[in-house]
Amino acid sequence: MVSRYGFSLGAKRFVAGETAEDFLTVAKALNTQGFAVACGILGEGVSTAEEAETATEQYCALLHTFAQQGIDANVAFKITHVGLDVDRDLALGNAERIAQTARDTGNTMRLDMEQSRYVDRTLEIYRALRERFDCVGFVLQAYLFRSLNDLRALAGLHPNVRIVKGAYLEPPSIAFANKADVDANYVRLVEAALAGDGYTAVATHDRRIIERVIALADRTGIPKRGRFEFQMLYGISAALAQELVRAGYRVRLAVPFGGYWFPYLMRRLAERPANLAFFLKGALARK
């Protein structure tokens, strides 16, 4: 039922649609509201070189379209989407193509982070890209014990880093299980990142953390734009995102699209009961 009627019931609150055209329509509308956009194509974990090539071509084509149409959007992708599970060199080569396209079009790209078993390989590829490109970024997850050390190890690269809490199921031997501990480590990571000279994407919907970041920036003289931005998921905490834009902060919304939208929607509904209530309200109201 959801596969057939999901978009009409409310899935479009969280997913732009199935096609690039759907995404571009949403991205342009968000730009007019003052938001930047991070584009993600759903369907990571490809198992063939051909699938990885297709994803790479899609990301490169989108970067060209953003430049041609003046859209304030970049791309963020999981390294498994461009072939890491097939071959490491294949994934690196595809990521290099996307990075080259981002540089050629005056844009940026980011390697999203996946389960803990991919962290070392993702950061290795980030380092290799960073040797050639200054338009690449990566992600660290606050629930992993290792993340602060990873940030310190990469500080010399003046990194563009997005800090997230983390959404994968990880064992307590490597990850904080308590929300308060994750939140505390998140703040430590943001503080450490802002103390450096890179660029920090503060990706959270937690108002208390956002207020702490704003207070830190005010106290240390960090401007509202240029050194950091706030990032949120499309369809989540929309009122808070709009409030930050009105206050003069740069806010980027992560907007996914693609044929594999159903698993993504299920993750969003599982993460927060209010999201499920919104979706069910749409389902029950359908005539």
Protein backbone atom coordinates (compact mmCIF):
# COMPACT_ATOMS: atom_id res chain seq x y z
CA MET A 1 0.00 0.00 0.00
CA VAL A 2 2.80 2.42 0.93
CA SER A 3 4.75 1.57 -2.24
CA ARG A 4 1.68 2.40 -4.32
CA TYR A 5 0.26 5.38 -2.44
CA GLY A 6 3.18 6.59 -0.32
CA PHE A 7 3.79 9.89 -2.08
CA SER A 8 0.15 10.89 -2.11
CA LEU A 9 -0.22 9.92 1.57
CA GLY A 10 2.68 12.03 2.80
CA ALA A 11 6.02 10.52 1.77
CA LYS A 12 6.77 13.71 -0.14
CA ARG A 13 7.30 15.39 3.18
CA PHE A 14 10.55 13.43 3.51
CA VAL A 15 11.51 12.46 -0.07
CA ALA A 16 11.52 14.79 -3.08
CA GLY A 17 10.31 12.07 -5.43
CA GLU A 18 11.67 9.32 -7.63
CA THR A 19 13.37 11.37 -10.37
CA ALA A 20 15.98 14.10 -10.71
CA GLU A 21 13.26 16.37 -12.05
CA ASP A 22 11.29 15.85 -8.84
CA PHE A 23 14.37 16.76 -6.83
CA LEU A 24 15.15 19.88 -8.86
CA THR A 25 11.61 21.17 -8.37
CA VAL A 26 11.92 20.80 -4.60
CA ALA A 27 15.45 22.24 -4.50
CA LYS A 28 14.43 25.37 -6.37
CA ALA A 29 11.47 25.89 -4.05
CA LEU A 30 13.68 25.51 -0.98
CA ASN A 31 16.21 27.97 -2.40
CA THR A 32 13.46 30.57 -2.68
CA GLN A 33 12.80 30.04 1.05
CA GLY A 34 16.44 30.71 1.86
CA PHE A 35 17.68 27.13 2.25
CA ALA A 36 20.70 25.50 0.67
CA VAL A 37 20.29 21.84 -0.27
CA ALA A 38 22.32 18.64 -0.03
CA CYS A 39 21.25 16.16 -2.70
CA GLY A 40 21.30 12.44 -1.98
CA ILE A 41 20.28 9.69 -4.39
CA LEU A 42 18.74 6.77 -2.54
CA GLY A 43 20.12 3.32 -3.23
CA GLU A 44 23.53 2.87 -1.61
CA GLY A 45 25.22 -0.50 -1.26
CA VAL A 46 25.38 -1.32 -4.96
CA SER A 47 26.82 -4.70 -5.89
CA THR A 48 28.05 -4.18 -9.47
CA ALA A 49 30.43 -1.83 -11.24
CA GLU A 50 27.64 -0.90 -13.65
CA GLU A 51 25.39 0.29 -10.81
CA ALA A 52 28.26 2.31 -9.35
CA GLU A 53 28.92 3.89 -12.74
CA THR A 54 25.27 4.86 -13.09
CA ALA A 55 25.25 6.53 -9.67
CA THR A 56 28.48 8.38 -10.45
CA GLU A 57 27.08 9.70 -13.71
CA GLN A 58 23.92 10.84 -11.93
CA TYR A 59 25.87 12.82 -9.34
CA CYS A 60 28.08 14.43 -11.98
CA ALA A 61 25.05 15.34 -14.09
CA LEU A 62 23.35 16.92 -11.08
CA LEU A 63 26.39 19.06 -10.31
CA HIS A 64 26.38 20.33 -13.90
CA THR A 65 22.65 21.06 -13.65
CA PHE A 66 23.10 22.99 -10.39
CA ALA A 67 25.71 25.19 -12.09
CA GLN A 68 23.66 25.71 -15.23
CA GLN A 69 20.44 26.55 -13.39
CA GLY A 70 21.97 28.48 -10.50
CA ILE A 71 20.70 26.09 -7.82
CA ASP A 72 22.25 26.34 -4.35
CA ALA A 73 22.82 22.63 -3.83
CA ASN A 74 25.70 20.19 -3.50
CA VAL A 75 25.85 16.39 -3.43
CA ALA A 76 26.42 13.97 -0.56
CA PHE A 77 26.77 10.25 -1.12
CA LYS A 78 27.76 7.06 0.61
CA ILE A 79 30.93 5.53 -0.77
CA THR A 80 29.15 2.19 -1.15
CA HIS A 81 26.89 3.90 -3.70
CA VAL A 82 29.86 4.37 -6.02
CA GLY A 83 31.26 0.88 -5.60
CA LEU A 84 33.13 0.33 -2.32
CA ASP A 85 31.56 -3.10 -1.83
CA VAL A 86 32.67 -4.01 -5.35
CA ASP A 87 36.24 -2.70 -5.36
CA ARG A 88 38.08 -0.02 -3.40
CA ASP A 89 39.87 1.43 -6.42
CA LEU A 90 36.60 1.55 -8.36
CA ALA A 91 34.99 3.56 -5.56
CA LEU A 92 37.97 5.91 -5.31
CA GLY A 93 37.97 6.48 -9.06
CA ASN A 94 34.27 7.25 -9.11
CA ALA A 95 34.57 9.57 -6.11
CA GLU A 96 37.42 11.37 -7.88
CA ARG A 97 35.17 11.91 -10.92
CA ILE A 98 32.51 13.48 -8.73
CA ALA A 99 35.09 15.61 -6.91
CA GLN A 100 36.54 16.79 -10.22
CA THR A 101 33.07 17.72 -11.43
CA ALA A 102 32.37 19.56 -8.18
CA ARG A 103 35.57 21.56 -8.58
CA ASP A 104 34.89 22.27 -12.25
CA THR A 105 31.42 23.59 -11.41
CA GLY A 106 32.51 25.60 -8.35
CA ASN A 107 30.70 23.32 -5.94
CA THR A 108 31.38 20.83 -3.13
CA MET A 109 30.69 17.16 -2.42
CA ARG A 110 30.61 15.12 0.75
CA LEU A 111 31.25 11.49 1.63
CA ASP A 112 28.46 10.36 3.93
CA MET A 113 29.34 7.93 6.71
CA GLU A 114 27.93 4.43 7.00
CA GLN A 115 28.23 1.58 9.50
CA SER A 116 31.38 1.36 11.61
CA ARG A 117 32.92 -1.27 9.34
CA TYR A 118 33.16 1.37 6.62
CA VAL A 119 34.67 4.18 8.69
CA ASP A 120 38.36 3.45 8.08
CA ARG A 121 37.90 2.93 4.35
CA THR A 122 35.73 6.03 3.99
CA LEU A 123 38.25 8.21 5.82
CA GLU A 124 41.08 6.69 3.77
CA ILE A 125 39.29 7.67 0.57
CA TYR A 126 38.58 11.12 1.98
CA ARG A 127 42.30 11.60 2.68
CA ALA A 128 43.17 10.51 -0.85
CA LEU A 129 40.63 12.93 -2.31
CA ARG A 130 41.74 15.77 -0.06
CA GLU A 131 45.28 15.53 -1.42
CA ARG A 132 43.93 16.69 -4.79
CA PHE A 133 40.70 18.53 -4.04
CA ASP A 134 39.67 21.22 -1.58
CA CYS A 135 35.96 20.80 -2.39
CA VAL A 136 35.42 17.53 -0.52
CA GLY A 137 33.94 16.87 2.91
CA PHE A 138 33.14 13.93 5.15
CA VAL A 139 31.00 12.96 8.15
CA LEU A 140 31.71 11.91 11.72
CA GLN A 141 29.20 10.17 14.00
CA ALA A 142 29.01 11.28 17.62
CA TYR A 143 27.89 7.92 18.96
CA LEU A 144 31.18 6.26 18.00
CA PHE A 145 33.92 6.42 20.65
CA ARG A 146 36.56 6.95 17.98
CA SER A 147 35.16 10.06 16.30
CA LEU A 148 36.95 12.73 18.35
CA ASN A 149 40.29 11.04 17.66
CA ASP A 150 39.40 10.82 13.97
CA LEU A 151 38.65 14.55 13.92
CA ARG A 152 41.95 15.37 15.60
CA ALA A 153 43.83 13.14 13.17
CA LEU A 154 42.32 15.01 10.22
CA ALA A 155 42.69 18.53 11.65
CA GLY A 156 45.75 19.26 9.52
CA LEU A 157 43.64 18.92 6.37
CA HIS A 158 41.46 21.92 7.38
CA PRO A 159 38.48 19.60 6.97
CA ASN A 160 34.94 20.27 5.90
CA VAL A 161 33.16 17.98 8.36
CA ARG A 162 29.53 17.29 9.09
CA ILE A 163 28.80 16.17 12.65
CA VAL A 164 25.86 13.79 13.09
CA LYS A 165 24.70 11.69 16.01
CA GLY A 166 24.65 8.37 14.12
CA ALA A 167 21.77 6.12 13.12
CA TYR A 168 23.16 2.61 12.72
CA LEU A 169 22.94 -0.18 15.29
CA GLU A 170 26.44 -0.54 16.76
CA PRO A 171 27.72 -2.67 19.68
CA PRO A 172 28.34 -1.00 23.07
CA SER A 173 32.02 -1.86 22.76
CA ILE A 174 32.48 0.87 20.14
CA ALA A 175 29.50 3.20 20.54
CA PHE A 176 27.71 5.15 23.25
CA ALA A 177 24.38 3.55 24.05
CA ASN A 178 23.01 6.36 26.22
CA LYS A 179 21.50 9.39 24.48
CA ALA A 180 22.98 11.80 27.01
CA ASP A 181 26.46 10.45 26.29
CA VAL A 182 25.90 10.79 22.53
CA ASP A 183 24.70 14.36 22.98
CA ALA A 184 27.71 15.24 25.14
CA ASN A 185 30.11 13.78 22.61
CA TYR A 186 28.29 15.61 19.81
CA VAL A 187 28.92 18.92 21.54
CA ARG A 188 32.59 18.00 22.09
CA LEU A 189 32.97 17.24 18.40
CA VAL A 190 31.35 20.50 17.30
CA GLU A 191 33.46 22.51 19.73
CA ALA A 192 36.64 20.82 18.50
CA ALA A 193 35.68 21.34 14.86
CA LEU A 194 34.85 25.02 15.34
CA ALA A 195 38.13 25.53 17.19
CA GLY A 196 39.95 24.55 14.00
CA ASP A 197 40.11 26.40 10.71
CA GLY A 198 37.97 24.15 8.57
CA TYR A 199 34.23 24.26 7.88
CA THR A 200 31.67 22.60 10.14
CA ALA A 201 28.20 21.36 9.26
CA VAL A 202 26.18 21.04 12.46
CA ALA A 203 23.62 18.41 11.52
CA THR A 204 20.99 18.13 14.24
CA HIS A 205 17.34 18.83 15.02
CA ASP A 206 18.09 19.20 18.73
CA ARG A 207 17.21 22.75 19.73
CA ARG A 208 19.30 22.60 22.91
CA ILE A 209 22.42 21.68 20.96
CA ILE A 210 21.70 24.33 18.35
CA GLU A 211 21.39 26.94 21.07
CA ARG A 212 24.72 25.83 22.57
CA VAL A 213 26.40 26.14 19.18
CA ILE A 214 24.95 29.61 18.66
CA ALA A 215 26.16 30.66 22.12
CA LEU A 216 29.62 29.28 21.40
CA ALA A 217 29.81 31.11 18.07
CA ASP A 218 28.70 34.37 19.68
CA ARG A 219 31.17 33.98 22.54
CA THR A 220 34.14 33.23 20.28
CA GLY A 221 33.32 35.67 17.49
CA ILE A 222 32.51 33.09 14.83
CA PRO A 223 30.29 34.74 12.18
CA LYS A 224 26.87 33.36 11.29
CA ARG A 225 28.09 32.43 7.81
CA GLY A 226 31.41 31.31 6.41
CA ARG A 227 32.71 28.96 9.11
CA PHE A 228 29.72 26.74 9.77
CA GLU A 229 26.18 25.92 8.78
CA PHE A 230 23.26 24.05 10.27
CA GLN A 231 21.94 20.98 8.44
CA MET A 232 18.64 19.18 8.82
CA LEU A 233 16.69 16.48 7.08
CA TYR A 234 14.03 17.57 4.62
CA GLY A 235 10.64 17.34 6.29
CA ILE A 236 11.95 17.29 9.87
CA SER A 237 11.86 20.28 12.27
CA ALA A 238 10.77 22.62 9.48
CA ALA A 239 9.76 25.42 11.87
CA LEU A 240 13.15 25.37 13.60
CA ALA A 241 14.95 25.40 10.25
CA GLN A 242 12.94 28.42 9.11
CA GLU A 243 13.66 30.18 12.40
CA LEU A 244 17.40 29.76 11.87
CA VAL A 245 17.20 31.09 8.31
CA ARG A 246 15.31 34.16 9.53
CA ALA A 247 18.03 34.67 12.14
CA GLY A 248 20.63 34.85 9.36
CA TYR A 249 22.25 31.42 9.63
CA ARG A 250 23.03 29.25 6.64
CA VAL A 251 20.80 26.17 6.76
CA ARG A 252 21.15 23.25 4.37
CA LEU A 253 18.40 20.65 4.05
CA ALA A 254 19.33 17.10 3.08
CA VAL A 255 16.85 16.17 0.34
CA PRO A 256 16.84 12.59 -0.96
CA PHE A 257 15.21 11.22 -4.09
CA GLY A 258 15.19 8.01 -6.08
CA GLY A 259 13.44 4.73 -6.64
CA TYR A 260 14.66 3.31 -3.32
CA TRP A 261 12.63 5.78 -1.29
CA PHE A 262 10.61 3.17 0.62
CA PRO A 263 13.44 1.97 2.96
CA TYR A 264 14.40 5.60 3.60
CA LEU A 265 10.83 6.49 4.51
CA MET A 266 10.64 3.56 6.91
CA ARG A 267 13.80 4.77 8.68
CA ARG A 268 12.35 8.26 9.07
CA LEU A 269 9.08 6.89 10.47
CA ALA A 270 10.91 4.59 12.89
CA GLU A 271 13.17 7.36 14.22
CA ARG A 272 10.44 9.64 15.54
CA PRO A 273 6.83 8.79 16.49
CA ALA A 274 5.65 12.22 15.32
CA ASN A 275 6.72 11.34 11.78
CA LEU A 276 4.63 8.18 11.88
CA ALA A 277 1.64 10.14 13.18
CA PHE A 278 1.96 12.59 10.29
CA PHE A 279 2.06 9.78 7.74
CA LEU A 280 -0.87 7.89 9.27
CA LYS A 281 -2.92 11.09 9.39
CA GLY A 282 -2.47 11.38 5.65
CA ALA A 283 -3.37 7.74 5.15
CA LEU A 284 -6.56 7.97 7.22
CA ALA A 285 -7.63 11.19 5.51
CA ARG A 286 -7.33 9.62 2.06
CA LYS A 287 -10.76 9.13 0.49
